[in-house]
Amino acid sequence: MNKHNPPMTASIQSSTFSQSINAEIRRAAATGIYDIRGGGAKRKVPHFDDLLFLGASMSRYPLEGYRERCDTNVTLGTRFAENPIELDIPITIAGMSFGALSGQAKEALGRGATLAGTSTTTGDGGMTPEERGHSNKLVYQYLPSRYGMNPDDLRRADAIEIVVGQGAKPGGGGMLLGQKISDRVAEMRNLPKGIDQRSACRHPDWTGPDDLEIKILELREITGWKVPIYIKVGGARPYFDTTLAVKAGADVVVLDGMQGGTAATQDVFIEHVGQPTLACIRPAVQALQDQGMHREVQLIVSGGIRTGADVAKAIALGADAVAIGTAALIALGDNDPRWEDEYQALGTTAGAYDDWHEGRDPAGITTQDPVLAARLDPVEGGRRLNNYLKVMTLEAQTLARACGKSHIHNLEPEDLCALTVEAAAMAQVPLSGTNWIPGQVGY
């Protein structure tokens, strides 16, 4: 061997200092500003894909899909509300604000949800006439910012959702950068046009669950005890947060895991705060069961729901319904490859675009630019969303029938097994091929 020409060795990238980490270090060093983006967590964590259904065969008989019914209806807000929400399907549209989304996108969400027989949610920043006009069932979000909030709109809503936390950023507030604060957004939020806006991370008029009980009573008085009151919490301490929400008087608990999206927040929040959706469901259900409130106080799960299989698995673990956000935007046309050239011009690609805060979305969904927003036809968008919701529902029905269930809410943890030890521990179902549930005494 020539000592002057040693053999070449393969170059190995450090797993600790990967290319993406190194790029972020360089970006931070060059700008002195933390990274802001939209979307949800990009790291891989245990999720619904790590669970499988145990279809019926001998010990249980499946239902015949062509002639035996499998119902999907759900009622939300049966505890105290005079007028609980009746939905045809257990899939709702999560809160996404006008400001984060274009007016056309909000209208399309309302149209699609109405066609599918479900509800949509306002998000931060208030209620638009288009959204109310095209949403048969509309949930009004009551957030720490109070942007756009007024008692008249509260009374026009079919339910009120008090937002305590969000899965993408539990413990943090939202952002809406100045380039998305148009004249209309500024007027609705009582903000100056073009100035960056930060939402508070906690409500200004209460500091804990005792005050929350007073706030719920105040909202019930404003609405005459007619509409359900939801409490939305981020997936951090689901057992305790669910317990406190129930004790404060909630009709419905909305639980949002870390795979949930956001219009804009610090990247460090999205990737490093909260728990996977899969890990949050069973503690929340346990909290409801310990108080004798499971199914009386409904549980809506959100954060990374994509398919009918995800819906069925969440319900089997104890949820009453799910909420979708990012998936609904994709159904409308967000990150569509037909805009690939324009995504490339923005320095990204279809499927990876997460700079929603910049307001330059080529699909016209996460923008206030009138030219871009005009690209989305609300009628066509609503039709596409309805199609997607129908497919998800059919998929969930198919799985429920395969397990011998005549209603999707008859699914149970016993119908599931897990492919990994982590998923088995989080979902509290046996590891596939065993009767072992990690962490449970006696196994």
Protein backbone atom coordinates (compact mmCIF):
# COMPACT_ATOMS: atom_id res chain seq x y z
CA MET A 1 0.00 0.00 0.00
CA ASN A 2 1.33 3.43 -0.92
CA LYS A 3 1.62 5.39 2.32
CA HIS A 4 1.22 8.61 0.39
CA ASN A 5 -2.15 7.50 -1.07
CA PRO A 6 -4.18 5.88 1.73
CA PRO A 7 -7.38 4.07 0.66
CA MET A 8 -10.53 6.14 0.38
CA THR A 9 -13.17 5.63 3.10
CA ALA A 10 -16.89 6.29 2.82
CA SER A 11 -18.03 9.67 4.17
CA ILE A 12 -20.65 9.30 6.86
CA GLN A 13 -22.94 12.13 7.85
CA SER A 14 -23.30 12.60 11.60
CA SER A 15 -26.73 11.58 12.88
CA THR A 16 -26.44 14.26 15.55
CA PHE A 17 -25.24 17.03 13.25
CA SER A 18 -27.26 16.11 10.18
CA GLN A 19 -27.50 18.29 7.08
CA SER A 20 -30.81 19.76 8.24
CA ILE A 21 -29.43 20.55 11.72
CA ASN A 22 -26.30 22.09 10.24
CA ALA A 23 -28.42 24.19 7.88
CA GLU A 24 -30.49 25.46 10.80
CA ILE A 25 -27.34 26.37 12.76
CA ARG A 26 -26.06 28.35 9.77
CA ARG A 27 -29.44 30.05 9.28
CA ALA A 28 -29.63 31.02 12.98
CA ALA A 29 -26.04 32.28 12.93
CA ALA A 30 -26.69 34.39 9.84
CA THR A 31 -29.99 35.93 10.92
CA GLY A 32 -30.19 35.86 14.72
CA ILE A 33 -33.91 34.98 14.36
CA TYR A 34 -35.60 31.73 15.28
CA ASP A 35 -37.32 29.80 12.52
CA ILE A 36 -41.06 30.27 12.01
CA ARG A 37 -43.15 27.93 9.88
CA GLY A 38 -46.55 26.36 9.57
CA GLY A 39 -47.73 22.79 9.28
CA GLY A 40 -47.13 20.09 11.86
CA ALA A 41 -44.27 18.04 13.25
CA LYS A 42 -42.01 16.51 10.63
CA ARG A 43 -40.27 14.06 12.91
CA LYS A 44 -41.59 10.48 12.82
CA VAL A 45 -43.33 9.46 16.03
CA PRO A 46 -45.65 6.52 16.82
CA HIS A 47 -48.93 7.07 15.06
CA PHE A 48 -52.09 5.27 13.98
CA ASP A 49 -50.16 3.42 11.27
CA ASP A 50 -48.57 1.43 14.10
CA LEU A 51 -51.94 -0.14 14.98
CA LEU A 52 -53.86 -2.89 13.18
CA PHE A 53 -57.45 -4.06 13.46
CA LEU A 54 -58.23 -7.66 14.38
CA GLY A 55 -60.95 -8.45 11.87
CA ALA A 56 -63.76 -10.85 12.75
CA SER A 57 -63.66 -14.48 11.64
CA MET A 58 -64.77 -17.32 13.96
CA SER A 59 -64.85 -15.80 17.43
CA ARG A 60 -66.66 -12.77 15.97
CA TYR A 61 -68.63 -12.55 12.77
CA PRO A 62 -68.18 -9.64 10.39
CA LEU A 63 -71.10 -7.65 9.02
CA GLU A 64 -72.08 -7.96 5.39
CA GLY A 65 -71.38 -4.58 3.86
CA TYR A 66 -74.01 -4.85 1.15
CA ARG A 67 -76.99 -5.44 3.44
CA GLU A 68 -76.08 -4.77 7.08
CA ARG A 69 -75.92 -1.22 8.37
CA CYS A 70 -73.03 0.41 10.14
CA ASP A 71 -74.06 3.81 11.47
CA THR A 72 -71.68 6.76 11.88
CA ASN A 73 -73.80 9.49 13.47
CA VAL A 74 -72.61 11.27 16.59
CA THR A 75 -74.16 13.77 18.98
CA LEU A 76 -71.87 16.33 20.62
CA GLY A 77 -72.79 18.33 23.71
CA THR A 78 -75.35 16.12 25.45
CA ARG A 79 -74.27 17.00 29.00
CA PHE A 80 -75.76 20.47 29.53
CA ALA A 81 -76.64 22.06 26.18
CA GLU A 82 -80.26 22.45 25.19
CA ASN A 83 -79.30 22.05 21.53
CA PRO A 84 -76.49 19.50 21.15
CA ILE A 85 -74.91 19.16 17.72
CA GLU A 86 -76.13 16.24 15.62
CA LEU A 87 -73.63 15.10 12.98
CA ASP A 88 -73.96 12.44 10.29
CA ILE A 89 -70.29 11.53 10.47
CA PRO A 90 -67.71 11.52 13.29
CA ILE A 91 -65.27 13.74 11.36
CA THR A 92 -65.31 17.50 11.98
CA ILE A 93 -63.30 20.40 10.58
CA ALA A 94 -60.84 21.91 13.07
CA GLY A 95 -60.48 25.61 13.80
CA MET A 96 -58.49 27.51 11.17
CA SER A 97 -58.81 31.27 11.13
CA PHE A 98 -59.74 33.73 8.45
CA GLY A 99 -56.38 35.45 8.29
CA ALA A 100 -54.41 32.25 8.32
CA LEU A 101 -56.70 31.08 5.48
CA SER A 102 -58.25 33.02 2.64
CA GLY A 103 -61.93 33.88 2.66
CA GLN A 104 -62.45 31.47 -0.23
CA ALA A 105 -60.86 28.65 1.76
CA LYS A 106 -63.08 29.31 4.78
CA GLU A 107 -66.15 29.31 2.56
CA ALA A 108 -65.06 26.06 0.89
CA LEU A 109 -64.61 24.40 4.29
CA GLY A 110 -68.12 25.43 5.26
CA ARG A 111 -69.59 24.19 2.01
CA GLY A 112 -67.82 20.83 2.19
CA ALA A 113 -68.68 20.22 5.83
CA THR A 114 -72.34 21.01 5.19
CA LEU A 115 -72.53 18.64 2.22
CA ALA A 116 -71.00 15.88 4.35
CA GLY A 117 -73.30 16.52 7.30
CA THR A 118 -70.69 17.71 9.76
CA SER A 119 -69.43 20.88 11.44
CA THR A 120 -66.64 23.35 10.82
CA THR A 121 -64.90 25.75 13.23
CA THR A 122 -64.05 29.44 12.97
CA GLY A 123 -60.52 29.64 14.36
CA ASP A 124 -58.92 32.82 15.69
CA GLY A 125 -60.06 36.16 14.32
CA GLY A 126 -63.84 35.90 14.33
CA MET A 127 -66.70 34.70 12.14
CA THR A 128 -67.02 35.66 8.48
CA PRO A 129 -70.44 35.99 6.83
CA GLU A 130 -69.41 33.49 4.13
CA GLU A 131 -68.41 30.91 6.70
CA ARG A 132 -71.60 31.30 8.74
CA GLY A 133 -73.71 31.38 5.61
CA HIS A 134 -72.33 28.12 4.21
CA SER A 135 -71.85 26.16 7.46
CA ASN A 136 -74.90 24.29 8.64
CA LYS A 137 -73.09 23.62 11.94
CA LEU A 138 -70.47 26.16 12.97
CA VAL A 139 -68.35 26.05 16.12
CA TYR A 140 -67.06 29.42 17.33
CA GLN A 141 -63.57 29.41 18.80
CA TYR A 142 -63.04 31.56 21.89
CA LEU A 143 -59.30 32.14 22.12
CA PRO A 144 -56.92 34.01 24.46
CA SER A 145 -56.46 36.75 21.86
CA ARG A 146 -60.20 37.59 21.75
CA TYR A 147 -59.58 38.78 18.16
CA GLY A 148 -62.88 39.33 16.40
CA MET A 149 -64.88 38.14 19.40
CA ASN A 150 -68.30 39.64 20.07
CA PRO A 151 -71.40 38.36 21.91
CA ASP A 152 -73.59 38.55 18.80
CA ASP A 153 -71.41 36.03 16.95
CA LEU A 154 -71.27 33.84 20.04
CA ARG A 155 -75.07 33.66 19.93
CA ARG A 156 -75.04 32.85 16.21
CA ALA A 157 -72.77 29.83 16.72
CA ASP A 158 -73.94 26.23 17.10
CA ALA A 159 -71.24 25.56 19.72
CA ILE A 160 -68.41 27.44 21.44
CA GLU A 161 -64.90 26.04 21.71
CA ILE A 162 -62.73 27.60 24.42
CA VAL A 163 -59.16 27.12 23.25
CA VAL A 164 -56.74 26.52 26.12
CA GLY A 165 -54.04 24.86 24.04
CA GLN A 166 -53.15 23.63 20.57
CA GLY A 167 -51.23 20.45 19.77
CA ALA A 168 -48.61 22.11 17.58
CA LYS A 169 -47.74 24.61 20.32
CA PRO A 170 -49.13 23.74 23.78
CA GLY A 171 -48.07 26.56 26.08
CA GLY A 172 -47.61 29.01 23.21
CA GLY A 173 -49.68 31.53 21.30
CA GLY A 174 -50.25 31.92 17.58
CA MET A 175 -48.71 34.23 15.02
CA LEU A 176 -50.09 36.12 12.06
CA LEU A 177 -47.42 38.09 10.25
CA GLY A 178 -48.10 41.50 8.82
CA GLN A 179 -48.16 40.44 5.19
CA LYS A 180 -51.37 38.49 5.88
CA ILE A 181 -53.12 41.26 7.82
CA SER A 182 -55.14 42.79 5.00
CA ASP A 183 -57.68 45.59 5.39
CA ARG A 184 -60.45 43.08 6.10
CA VAL A 185 -58.40 40.99 8.53
CA ALA A 186 -57.25 44.14 10.34
CA GLU A 187 -60.84 45.38 10.67
CA MET A 188 -62.10 42.04 11.99
CA ARG A 189 -59.29 41.75 14.53
CA ASN A 190 -59.11 45.47 15.41
CA LEU A 191 -55.44 45.52 14.47
CA PRO A 192 -53.30 47.83 12.33
CA LYS A 193 -52.88 46.63 8.78
CA GLY A 194 -49.55 45.03 7.90
CA ILE A 195 -48.23 44.71 11.46
CA ASP A 196 -47.18 41.35 12.87
CA GLN A 197 -49.68 39.94 15.37
CA ARG A 198 -48.98 37.53 18.21
CA SER A 199 -51.81 35.83 20.04
CA ALA A 200 -51.56 35.39 23.80
CA CYS A 201 -50.75 31.97 25.20
CA ARG A 202 -53.31 32.21 28.00
CA HIS A 203 -56.67 33.84 28.55
CA PRO A 204 -56.46 37.34 30.05
CA ASP A 205 -59.36 37.00 32.49
CA TRP A 206 -58.67 33.68 34.19
CA THR A 207 -55.66 31.91 35.58
CA GLY A 208 -56.79 28.36 36.18
CA PRO A 209 -59.59 25.79 36.18
CA ASP A 210 -61.62 27.56 38.89
CA ASP A 211 -61.78 30.68 36.74
CA LEU A 212 -62.55 28.51 33.71
CA GLU A 213 -65.70 27.27 35.43
CA ILE A 214 -66.81 30.90 35.86
CA LYS A 215 -66.02 31.62 32.20
CA ILE A 216 -68.06 28.62 31.03
CA LEU A 217 -71.03 29.81 33.09
CA GLU A 218 -70.66 33.29 31.61
CA LEU A 219 -70.74 31.87 28.08
CA ARG A 220 -73.75 29.70 28.94
CA GLU A 221 -75.62 32.76 30.17
CA ILE A 222 -74.75 34.70 26.99
CA THR A 223 -76.10 31.84 24.86
CA GLY A 224 -79.03 30.88 27.08
CA TRP A 225 -77.59 27.42 27.84
CA LYS A 226 -78.55 26.42 24.32
CA VAL A 227 -75.22 25.50 22.70
CA PRO A 228 -72.48 23.06 23.75
CA ILE A 229 -69.27 24.39 25.29
CA TYR A 230 -66.08 22.66 24.12
CA ILE A 231 -62.68 22.91 25.81
CA LYS A 232 -59.68 22.41 23.51
CA VAL A 233 -56.37 21.35 25.06
CA GLY A 234 -52.99 20.55 23.55
CA GLY A 235 -51.64 17.05 24.01
CA ALA A 236 -49.31 17.61 26.97
CA ARG A 237 -50.93 16.29 30.17
CA PRO A 238 -54.15 14.77 28.79
CA TYR A 239 -55.32 12.99 31.95
CA PHE A 240 -55.19 16.06 34.18
CA ASP A 241 -56.35 18.53 31.52
CA THR A 242 -59.34 16.38 30.62
CA THR A 243 -60.21 15.95 34.30
CA LEU A 244 -60.10 19.69 34.92
CA ALA A 245 -62.12 20.46 31.77
CA VAL A 246 -64.86 18.08 32.89
CA LYS A 247 -64.89 19.48 36.42
CA ALA A 248 -65.15 23.01 35.00
CA GLY A 249 -68.34 22.01 33.19
CA ALA A 250 -67.32 21.23 29.60
CA ASP A 251 -69.76 19.40 27.33
CA VAL A 252 -66.99 18.28 24.97
CA VAL A 253 -63.20 17.96 25.29
CA VAL A 254 -61.10 18.49 22.16
CA LEU A 255 -57.67 16.88 22.46
CA ASP A 256 -55.03 17.95 19.93
CA GLY A 257 -51.81 15.94 19.61
CA MET A 258 -48.42 17.18 18.42
CA GLN A 259 -49.00 16.11 14.81
CA GLY A 260 -51.61 18.85 14.62
CA GLY A 261 -50.85 21.74 12.31
CA THR A 262 -50.59 25.47 12.79
CA ALA A 263 -50.53 28.48 10.53
CA ALA A 264 -47.31 29.74 12.10
CA THR A 265 -45.21 29.25 15.20
CA GLN A 266 -41.62 28.59 16.16
CA ASP A 267 -40.24 25.40 14.64
CA VAL A 268 -38.84 24.47 18.07
CA PHE A 269 -42.43 24.39 19.39
CA ILE A 270 -43.73 22.20 16.59
CA GLU A 271 -41.01 19.60 16.96
CA HIS A 272 -40.22 19.60 20.68
CA VAL A 273 -43.35 20.35 22.71
CA GLY A 274 -46.27 18.05 23.40
CA GLN A 275 -46.97 14.37 22.88
CA PRO A 276 -47.97 12.26 19.88
CA THR A 277 -51.70 12.04 19.33
CA LEU A 278 -51.58 8.28 19.86
CA ALA A 279 -50.13 8.76 23.35
CA CYS A 280 -52.85 11.22 24.40
CA ILE A 281 -56.06 9.33 23.76
CA ARG A 282 -56.04 6.61 26.39
CA PRO A 283 -55.12 8.93 29.33
CA ALA A 284 -57.95 11.28 28.31
CA VAL A 285 -60.40 8.39 28.07
CA GLN A 286 -59.22 7.12 31.46
CA ALA A 287 -59.90 10.54 32.95
CA LEU A 288 -63.45 10.46 31.57
CA GLN A 289 -63.98 6.92 32.83
CA ASP A 290 -62.66 7.75 36.29
CA GLN A 291 -65.28 10.49 36.56
CA GLY A 292 -68.06 8.36 35.10
CA MET A 293 -68.27 10.70 32.12
CA HIS A 294 -67.05 8.62 29.16
CA ARG A 295 -69.52 9.12 26.29
CA GLU A 296 -71.48 11.65 28.39
CA VAL A 297 -68.75 14.23 27.86
CA GLN A 298 -67.67 13.65 24.28
CA LEU A 299 -64.02 13.44 23.25
CA ILE A 300 -62.85 14.82 19.91
CA VAL A 301 -59.30 13.86 18.90
CA SER A 302 -57.21 15.80 16.39
CA GLY A 303 -53.64 15.95 15.22
CA GLY A 304 -52.52 14.05 12.13
CA ILE A 305 -55.83 12.40 11.17
CA ARG A 306 -55.60 11.49 7.49
CA THR A 307 -57.69 8.42 6.59
CA GLY A 308 -60.75 6.48 7.58
CA ALA A 309 -58.43 4.01 9.26
CA ASP A 310 -57.15 6.79 11.53
CA VAL A 311 -60.75 7.73 12.32
CA ALA A 312 -61.72 4.17 13.20
CA LYS A 313 -58.62 3.64 15.34
CA ALA A 314 -59.14 6.87 17.30
CA ILE A 315 -62.75 5.87 17.98
CA ALA A 316 -61.74 2.34 18.94
CA LEU A 317 -59.39 3.86 21.53
CA GLY A 318 -62.30 5.81 23.02
CA ALA A 319 -62.84 9.00 21.02
CA ASP A 320 -66.34 10.03 19.96
CA ALA A 321 -65.18 11.99 16.90
CA VAL A 322 -62.08 13.41 15.24
CA ALA A 323 -61.18 16.78 13.75
CA ILE A 324 -59.07 17.37 10.66
CA GLY A 325 -57.21 20.50 9.61
CA THR A 326 -54.18 19.93 7.39
CA ALA A 327 -55.90 17.03 5.61
CA ALA A 328 -58.87 19.27 4.82
CA LEU A 329 -56.56 21.89 3.27
CA ILE A 330 -54.92 19.22 1.12
CA ALA A 331 -58.37 18.09 0.01
CA LEU A 332 -59.09 21.68 -1.08
CA GLY A 333 -55.90 21.67 -3.15
CA ASP A 334 -53.08 22.83 -0.89
CA ASN A 335 -49.60 21.59 -1.85
CA ASP A 336 -51.00 20.37 -5.17
CA PRO A 337 -48.27 19.32 -7.66
CA ARG A 338 -49.99 21.32 -10.40
CA TRP A 339 -48.44 24.42 -8.80
CA GLU A 340 -45.00 22.79 -8.66
CA ASP A 341 -43.24 25.45 -10.74
CA GLU A 342 -44.43 28.16 -8.38
CA TYR A 343 -43.51 26.14 -5.29
CA GLN A 344 -40.04 25.72 -6.81
CA ALA A 345 -39.82 29.48 -7.32
CA LEU A 346 -40.49 29.88 -3.59
CA GLY A 347 -37.59 27.53 -2.85
CA THR A 348 -39.70 24.53 -1.89
CA THR A 349 -41.77 21.79 -3.51
CA ALA A 350 -45.34 20.57 -3.51
CA GLY A 351 -45.86 18.48 -0.40
CA ALA A 352 -43.18 20.31 1.56
CA TYR A 353 -44.50 23.86 1.44
CA ASP A 354 -44.94 25.05 5.03
CA ASP A 355 -44.29 28.80 4.76
CA TRP A 356 -47.98 29.50 5.30
CA HIS A 357 -47.13 32.62 7.31
CA GLU A 358 -45.59 34.26 4.23
CA GLY A 359 -48.98 34.53 2.51
CA ARG A 360 -47.67 33.44 -0.90
CA ASP A 361 -49.43 30.07 -1.18
CA PRO A 362 -49.75 29.30 -4.91
CA ALA A 363 -52.91 27.26 -4.23
CA GLY A 364 -54.67 30.36 -2.85
CA ILE A 365 -55.54 28.74 0.49
CA THR A 366 -53.15 30.11 3.15
CA THR A 367 -52.98 33.62 1.75
CA GLN A 368 -54.67 37.02 1.78
CA ASP A 369 -53.33 37.94 -1.66
CA PRO A 370 -56.49 38.55 -3.73
CA VAL A 371 -54.91 37.28 -6.95
CA LEU A 372 -53.73 34.02 -5.37
CA ALA A 373 -56.91 33.56 -3.30
CA ALA A 374 -59.00 33.80 -6.49
CA ARG A 375 -57.42 30.56 -7.68
CA LEU A 376 -59.56 28.59 -5.24
CA ASP A 377 -63.17 28.11 -6.34
CA PRO A 378 -65.13 27.68 -3.06
CA VAL A 379 -67.82 25.58 -4.75
CA GLU A 380 -65.30 23.18 -6.29
CA GLY A 381 -63.28 23.16 -3.07
CA GLY A 382 -66.37 22.28 -1.09
CA ARG A 383 -67.16 19.45 -3.48
CA ARG A 384 -63.66 18.03 -3.14
CA LEU A 385 -63.78 18.23 0.66
CA ASN A 386 -67.15 16.49 0.70
CA ASN A 387 -65.75 13.70 -1.48
CA TYR A 388 -62.81 13.26 0.87
CA LEU A 389 -65.00 13.17 3.98
CA LYS A 390 -67.30 10.61 2.36
CA VAL A 391 -64.35 8.37 1.50
CA MET A 392 -62.98 8.61 5.04
CA THR A 393 -66.39 7.68 6.42
CA LEU A 394 -66.74 4.70 4.08
CA GLU A 395 -63.28 3.48 5.07
CA ALA A 396 -64.14 3.73 8.76
CA GLN A 397 -67.43 1.89 8.17
CA THR A 398 -65.62 -0.85 6.28
CA LEU A 399 -63.27 -1.45 9.20
CA ALA A 400 -66.08 -1.39 11.75
CA ARG A 401 -68.06 -3.96 9.74
CA ALA A 402 -64.95 -6.12 9.45
CA CYS A 403 -64.86 -6.17 13.26
CA GLY A 404 -68.56 -7.10 13.44
CA LYS A 405 -69.80 -3.67 14.59
CA SER A 406 -73.12 -2.12 13.55
CA HIS A 407 -72.05 1.35 14.73
CA ILE A 408 -68.60 2.83 14.51
CA HIS A 409 -68.79 3.73 18.22
CA ASN A 410 -68.98 0.02 19.06
CA LEU A 411 -65.31 -0.31 18.13
CA GLU A 412 -63.12 -0.87 21.20
CA PRO A 413 -59.46 -1.35 22.15
CA GLU A 414 -60.00 -5.11 22.04
CA ASP A 415 -60.32 -4.76 18.26
CA LEU A 416 -56.73 -3.51 17.97
CA CYS A 417 -53.15 -4.72 18.25
CA ALA A 418 -49.87 -2.83 17.87
CA LEU A 419 -46.89 -3.38 15.61
CA THR A 420 -44.31 -1.80 17.92
CA VAL A 421 -43.64 -1.80 21.64
CA GLU A 422 -43.95 1.99 21.71
CA ALA A 423 -47.36 2.00 20.04
CA ALA A 424 -48.56 -0.84 22.27
CA ALA A 425 -47.57 1.13 25.37
CA MET A 426 -49.14 4.37 24.14
CA ALA A 427 -52.40 2.87 22.88
CA GLN A 428 -52.53 0.32 25.70
CA VAL A 429 -53.30 -2.55 23.34
CA PRO A 430 -51.37 -5.84 22.98
CA LEU A 431 -48.26 -6.12 20.88
CA SER A 432 -49.16 -8.09 17.76
CA GLY A 433 -48.87 -11.85 18.27
CA THR A 434 -48.83 -11.55 22.07
CA ASN A 435 -51.13 -10.63 24.93
CA TRP A 436 -48.49 -8.25 26.29
CA ILE A 437 -49.39 -4.62 26.92
CA PRO A 438 -46.18 -2.84 27.95
CA GLY A 439 -46.40 -1.12 31.30
CA GLN A 440 -49.45 -2.97 32.59
CA VAL A 441 -49.10 -5.06 35.75
CA GLY A 442 -49.80 -8.76 35.34
CA TYR A 443 -48.51 -9.17 31.77
